[in-house]
Amino acid sequence: MTEHPDPGLARLQRRLAEFAAARNWQPYHTPKNLVAALSVEASELVEIFQWLTPEESARVMDEPGTAHRVTDEVADVLAYLLQLCDVLGIDPLDALAAKIDRNERRFPLPGSGDQRTED
């Protein structure tokens, strides 16, 4: 994993790894299991928004109980994603930066004269 000027993400990944190691959970933290858990947690986040109107969804953080649920599910999704990246040796910030670079090439600003390219 590449170190970044803000070590917050790397520090959180280490904390997650230490938490799992202290409980001997590493045998269960296979890429397959982590992706499945990530999907479940993402679905739990979707469930909160499932039947809301667009307007209601924009105000979801206004109600403390719902805001707490959303915050917890976002944390769960991020935790499993960071653990997956750790197990696979992916630097999530480098991966995101590279993806943004590719998207900027694929989808140039309107009126820039650049043609969309496939990546």
Protein backbone atom coordinates (compact mmCIF):
# COMPACT_ATOMS: atom_id res chain seq x y z
CA MET A 1 0.00 0.00 0.00
CA THR A 2 1.34 3.42 -0.98
CA GLU A 3 1.66 5.96 1.82
CA HIS A 4 -0.20 9.22 1.25
CA PRO A 5 0.40 12.63 2.85
CA ASP A 6 -2.73 12.03 4.97
CA PRO A 7 -2.17 8.65 6.62
CA GLY A 8 -5.75 8.50 7.93
CA LEU A 9 -6.91 5.83 5.52
CA ALA A 10 -3.83 3.66 6.04
CA ARG A 11 -4.22 4.06 9.81
CA LEU A 12 -7.83 2.90 9.61
CA GLN A 13 -6.82 -0.09 7.48
CA ARG A 14 -4.22 -1.04 10.10
CA ARG A 15 -6.80 -0.73 12.88
CA LEU A 16 -9.20 -2.97 10.97
CA ALA A 17 -6.44 -5.54 10.36
CA GLU A 18 -5.42 -5.45 14.03
CA PHE A 19 -9.04 -5.83 15.13
CA ALA A 20 -9.48 -8.90 12.89
CA ALA A 21 -6.11 -10.38 13.91
CA ALA A 22 -6.88 -10.03 17.62
CA ARG A 23 -10.01 -12.12 17.06
CA ASN A 24 -8.32 -14.58 14.68
CA TRP A 25 -10.73 -13.64 11.89
CA GLN A 26 -8.13 -13.57 9.08
CA PRO A 27 -9.08 -17.06 7.83
CA TYR A 28 -12.55 -15.73 7.11
CA HIS A 29 -11.38 -12.52 5.47
CA THR A 30 -10.95 -13.98 2.01
CA PRO A 31 -11.67 -11.78 -1.00
CA LYS A 32 -14.86 -13.78 -1.67
CA ASN A 33 -16.17 -13.38 1.88
CA LEU A 34 -15.23 -9.70 2.06
CA VAL A 35 -16.97 -8.94 -1.24
CA ALA A 36 -20.08 -10.78 -0.05
CA ALA A 37 -20.07 -8.85 3.24
CA LEU A 38 -19.54 -5.59 1.34
CA SER A 39 -22.55 -6.37 -0.84
CA VAL A 40 -24.71 -7.12 2.20
CA GLU A 41 -23.73 -3.87 3.90
CA ALA A 42 -24.31 -1.88 0.71
CA SER A 43 -27.75 -3.48 0.47
CA GLU A 44 -28.50 -2.46 4.04
CA LEU A 45 -27.64 1.12 3.06
CA VAL A 46 -29.90 0.85 0.00
CA GLU A 47 -32.71 -0.43 2.22
CA ILE A 48 -32.77 2.84 4.17
CA PHE A 49 -33.41 4.80 0.96
CA GLN A 50 -35.50 2.20 -0.87
CA TRP A 51 -38.96 3.75 -0.67
CA LEU A 52 -38.03 7.38 -0.13
CA THR A 53 -38.84 10.02 -2.69
CA PRO A 54 -35.87 11.93 -4.11
CA GLU A 55 -36.80 14.84 -1.85
CA GLU A 56 -37.01 12.62 1.23
CA SER A 57 -33.69 11.01 0.40
CA ALA A 58 -32.04 14.45 0.23
CA ARG A 59 -33.21 15.11 3.80
CA VAL A 60 -32.30 11.71 5.25
CA MET A 61 -29.67 13.16 7.58
CA ASP A 62 -32.18 15.56 9.15
CA GLU A 63 -33.74 12.83 11.34
CA PRO A 64 -31.26 11.71 14.03
CA GLY A 65 -32.29 8.05 14.09
CA THR A 66 -32.10 7.67 10.34
CA ALA A 67 -28.90 9.70 10.17
CA HIS A 68 -27.33 7.32 12.70
CA ARG A 69 -28.38 4.28 10.62
CA VAL A 70 -27.00 5.82 7.42
CA THR A 71 -23.72 6.72 9.14
CA ASP A 72 -23.34 3.19 10.54
CA GLU A 73 -24.02 1.53 7.19
CA VAL A 74 -21.59 3.87 5.39
CA ALA A 75 -18.97 2.90 8.00
CA ASP A 76 -19.69 -0.81 7.45
CA VAL A 77 -19.38 -0.45 3.67
CA LEU A 78 -16.13 1.47 3.99
CA ALA A 79 -14.72 -1.00 6.52
CA TYR A 80 -15.31 -3.99 4.26
CA LEU A 81 -14.00 -2.12 1.22
CA LEU A 82 -10.81 -1.15 3.07
CA GLN A 83 -10.35 -4.72 4.29
CA LEU A 84 -10.83 -6.04 0.75
CA CYS A 85 -8.25 -3.57 -0.56
CA ASP A 86 -5.84 -4.61 2.18
CA VAL A 87 -6.22 -8.33 1.40
CA LEU A 88 -5.82 -7.77 -2.35
CA GLY A 89 -2.99 -5.24 -2.04
CA ILE A 90 -4.95 -2.41 -3.66
CA ASP A 91 -4.28 1.15 -2.60
CA PRO A 92 -7.83 2.56 -2.62
CA LEU A 93 -6.74 6.18 -3.09
CA ASP A 94 -4.43 5.29 -5.99
CA ALA A 95 -7.21 3.17 -7.53
CA LEU A 96 -9.69 6.03 -7.24
CA ALA A 97 -7.24 8.59 -8.65
CA ALA A 98 -6.53 6.32 -11.63
CA LYS A 99 -10.26 5.79 -12.22
CA ILE A 100 -10.95 9.53 -12.12
CA ASP A 101 -8.12 10.05 -14.64
CA ARG A 102 -9.65 7.43 -16.96
CA ASN A 103 -13.12 8.96 -16.60
CA GLU A 104 -11.79 12.43 -17.39
CA ARG A 105 -10.39 11.03 -20.64
CA ARG A 106 -13.55 9.03 -21.41
CA PHE A 107 -15.95 11.86 -20.64
CA PRO A 108 -14.37 15.19 -21.59
CA LEU A 109 -16.03 18.45 -20.65
CA PRO A 110 -18.86 19.44 -22.97
CA GLY A 111 -17.62 21.76 -25.70
CA SER A 112 -13.97 20.82 -25.20
CA GLY A 113 -13.76 19.34 -28.67
CA ASP A 114 -12.43 16.04 -27.32
CA GLN A 115 -14.14 12.88 -28.42
CA ARG A 116 -15.22 10.24 -25.90
CA THR A 117 -12.81 7.31 -25.80
CA GLU A 118 -13.44 3.80 -24.60
CA ASP A 119 -11.32 2.47 -21.71
